[in-house]
Every structure is written in C-alpha cells, then in structure tokens.
Amino acid sequence: MDLVKKQAPDFTLPISEDQTITLSDYKGSKIVLYFYPKDMTPGCTTQACDFRDQAEQFKEHNAVVIGISPDPVHRHEKFTEKHGLSFPLLADEELKAANAYGVWQLKKNFGKEYMGIVRSTFVIDEQFNVVKEWRGVRVKDHVSEVLGYVKEMSS
C-alpha cells in the first residue's frame, strides 16, 4: 500500500481517558505520524526518545509529531511520563489507523508468524496529503532522516 500523493486517512483516537485527537485537526501543519509496535520495549523507547530529543527542531519547521501503537491509554501515559515525551501517543487498540495506513501486517520473528505493527513513519503536508513514507523502519538514525526531509520541505 503506497499512500504517497494521496489524501492522508483521517481518524480519531484517544490520547487519554477523556480526550481524543482527530488527525485532520492538524491540517495546516506538517504532521510526522509514526506507528510503533509496543511501549516500553528497547527499539520503541529509543525511537520515542529520539523524536523527543528533536521535538523543538520539528516545531521550528511547523511539524507536529504523533506516535501510535495498539497499546491502551494507561500504558501510553506511563511511557510518556517515564521518558518525558513531549508529543501525543494515541491508543489504536481497534487498529483503525493501523489498518488505514497498512501497517498492521503479518510479521516473522525467530521462525514465528504473527500479526503486528510494522514500524512506519508518514509525513503529511499542510494540505493533508501524504508526501513521504518509510515502512519497515530501522530505528538507528531514522528520526534524523525524517527531520532532514521535513527541513527540505520548508526550504
């Protein structure tokens, strides 16, 4: 599924027990939307902290960062608090966004097959079009690559 040059699939997901976020509310800003498998795991923690550490630079280029995983809100809240994350993590327990973006897929690990989130990042422009996607992301240096792309968009 290639979403580049297409309208970004919209969705509304919870950020807390009593608050939701609708993606299209951010129309007019660049959106860095990243999907990750699970809170509190080494790769996902590194990725979240890399986004946290670059958050100000993303803001300087009119870009918001939003993370999504199938974890429930209470787990996101612990993860955010533990690592001082400065951007929202959305709970996609019913896999609405994951399916819309084609990141819920059959995975293989140590000879076992299972369904899960394929680590992926999407950049959405101010008109709400997907302009770049990375699928099957390797965490090392990924956030710097995304930031470089967002900076290019601004110039």
Protein backbone atom coordinates (compact mmCIF):
# COMPACT_ATOMS: atom_id res chain seq x y z
CA MET A 1 0.00 0.00 0.00
CA ASP A 2 1.57 3.24 -1.15
CA LEU A 3 -0.05 6.35 0.29
CA VAL A 4 2.33 8.94 -1.17
CA LYS A 5 0.49 11.66 -3.14
CA LYS A 6 -2.81 10.57 -1.59
CA GLN A 7 -5.00 12.29 0.99
CA ALA A 8 -3.99 11.14 4.47
CA PRO A 9 -6.51 8.72 6.00
CA ASP A 10 -8.21 10.59 8.85
CA PHE A 11 -9.08 9.09 12.22
CA THR A 12 -9.95 9.99 15.80
CA LEU A 13 -8.16 8.14 18.62
CA PRO A 14 -7.85 8.58 22.39
CA ILE A 15 -4.87 10.31 23.96
CA SER A 16 -6.28 9.94 27.49
CA GLU A 17 -9.36 8.52 29.18
CA ASP A 18 -11.39 11.63 28.33
CA GLN A 19 -9.62 13.23 25.37
CA THR A 20 -9.28 12.29 21.70
CA ILE A 21 -7.27 13.65 18.80
CA THR A 22 -8.52 13.84 15.23
CA LEU A 23 -5.65 13.85 12.76
CA SER A 24 -7.27 16.39 10.41
CA ASP A 25 -7.32 18.91 13.28
CA TYR A 26 -3.62 19.38 12.45
CA LYS A 27 -4.30 20.34 8.82
CA GLY A 28 -2.21 23.44 8.13
CA SER A 29 0.83 21.95 9.87
CA LYS A 30 3.19 19.27 8.69
CA ILE A 31 2.44 16.02 10.52
CA VAL A 32 5.02 13.35 11.31
CA LEU A 33 2.91 10.30 12.07
CA TYR A 34 4.77 7.28 13.30
CA PHE A 35 3.50 3.80 14.11
CA TYR A 36 5.42 1.61 16.52
CA PRO A 37 4.77 -1.87 17.97
CA LYS A 38 4.82 -1.50 21.76
CA ASP A 39 5.55 0.90 24.62
CA MET A 40 8.46 0.15 26.97
CA THR A 41 10.40 -2.03 24.51
CA PRO A 42 14.01 -1.13 23.65
CA GLY A 43 13.54 -0.12 19.98
CA CYS A 44 10.30 1.76 20.62
CA THR A 45 11.81 3.58 23.59
CA THR A 46 14.85 4.63 21.56
CA GLN A 47 12.62 5.87 18.73
CA ALA A 48 10.32 7.83 21.06
CA CYS A 49 13.28 9.42 22.85
CA ASP A 50 14.88 10.34 19.50
CA PHE A 51 11.66 12.11 18.49
CA ARG A 52 11.54 13.78 21.93
CA ASP A 53 15.13 14.99 21.57
CA GLN A 54 14.41 16.53 18.13
CA ALA A 55 10.92 17.86 19.00
CA GLU A 56 11.95 21.52 19.06
CA GLN A 57 13.52 21.26 15.61
CA PHE A 58 10.36 19.69 14.22
CA LYS A 59 8.35 22.57 15.75
CA GLU A 60 10.69 25.11 14.15
CA HIS A 61 9.60 23.69 10.78
CA ASN A 62 5.86 23.75 11.59
CA ALA A 63 5.74 19.99 12.12
CA VAL A 64 3.92 18.08 14.84
CA VAL A 65 4.96 14.57 15.86
CA ILE A 66 2.31 11.98 16.74
CA GLY A 67 3.01 8.39 17.78
CA ILE A 68 0.54 5.50 17.52
CA SER A 69 0.55 1.94 18.81
CA PRO A 70 -2.10 -0.60 19.79
CA ASP A 71 -1.23 -0.12 23.48
CA PRO A 72 -4.00 1.22 25.74
CA VAL A 73 -4.07 4.82 27.01
CA HIS A 74 -2.85 3.96 30.53
CA ARG A 75 0.29 2.31 29.10
CA HIS A 76 0.97 5.35 26.87
CA GLU A 77 0.60 7.62 29.90
CA LYS A 78 3.23 5.61 31.84
CA PHE A 79 5.56 5.56 28.81
CA THR A 80 5.17 9.32 28.25
CA GLU A 81 5.79 10.10 31.92
CA LYS A 82 8.77 7.76 32.27
CA HIS A 83 10.57 9.23 29.25
CA GLY A 84 9.34 12.85 29.33
CA LEU A 85 7.78 12.66 25.88
CA SER A 86 6.56 16.00 24.57
CA PHE A 87 4.22 14.76 21.84
CA PRO A 88 0.99 12.75 21.91
CA LEU A 89 0.82 8.97 21.80
CA LEU A 90 -2.51 7.68 20.53
CA ALA A 91 -4.10 4.38 21.52
CA ASP A 92 -5.17 2.39 18.45
CA GLU A 93 -6.50 -0.69 20.24
CA GLU A 94 -9.03 -1.42 17.48
CA LEU A 95 -6.35 -0.93 14.78
CA LYS A 96 -8.39 1.65 12.86
CA ALA A 97 -5.41 3.86 11.99
CA ALA A 98 -3.01 0.91 11.61
CA ASN A 99 -5.28 -0.69 9.02
CA ALA A 100 -5.96 2.62 7.24
CA TYR A 101 -2.20 3.15 6.83
CA GLY A 102 -1.48 -0.51 6.03
CA VAL A 103 0.94 -1.08 8.90
CA TRP A 104 -0.88 -3.99 10.61
CA GLN A 105 0.74 -6.93 8.83
CA LEU A 106 1.94 -10.49 9.12
CA LYS A 107 5.39 -10.45 10.71
CA LYS A 108 8.01 -13.14 11.16
CA ASN A 109 10.37 -13.27 14.11
CA PHE A 110 12.53 -16.20 15.17
CA GLY A 111 10.56 -18.53 12.89
CA LYS A 112 7.17 -17.49 14.30
CA GLU A 113 4.48 -15.72 12.31
CA TYR A 114 2.11 -13.25 13.94
CA MET A 115 0.16 -10.08 13.16
CA GLY A 116 1.70 -6.85 14.38
CA ILE A 117 2.64 -3.25 13.65
CA VAL A 118 5.34 -2.75 11.03
CA ARG A 119 7.33 0.24 12.30
CA SER A 120 6.48 3.02 9.84
CA THR A 121 6.58 6.81 9.56
CA PHE A 122 4.50 9.09 7.35
CA VAL A 123 4.99 12.78 6.61
CA ILE A 124 1.77 14.63 5.81
CA ASP A 125 1.90 18.13 4.31
CA GLU A 126 -0.14 21.19 5.26
CA GLN A 127 -2.85 20.26 2.70
CA PHE A 128 -3.23 16.83 4.38
CA ASN A 129 -1.50 14.81 1.66
CA VAL A 130 0.97 12.03 2.42
CA VAL A 131 4.25 13.22 0.89
CA LYS A 132 6.70 10.64 2.25
CA GLU A 133 6.55 7.24 3.90
CA TRP A 134 9.06 4.91 5.45
CA ARG A 135 7.97 1.31 6.11
CA GLY A 136 9.87 -1.38 7.97
CA VAL A 137 11.89 1.34 9.71
CA ARG A 138 15.20 0.65 11.42
CA VAL A 139 15.40 2.90 14.47
CA LYS A 140 19.05 3.98 14.22
CA ASP A 141 19.30 7.43 12.56
CA HIS A 142 15.66 7.29 11.40
CA VAL A 143 14.46 10.40 13.26
CA SER A 144 17.36 12.43 11.84
CA GLU A 145 16.38 11.28 8.34
CA VAL A 146 12.75 12.31 8.93
CA LEU A 147 13.85 15.69 10.30
CA GLY A 148 16.07 16.21 7.25
CA TYR A 149 13.07 15.57 5.00
CA VAL A 150 10.87 18.00 6.96
CA LYS A 151 13.60 20.66 6.74
CA GLU A 152 13.79 20.15 2.94
CA MET A 153 10.04 20.71 2.71
CA SER A 154 10.49 24.07 4.43
CA SER A 155 13.19 25.34 2.09
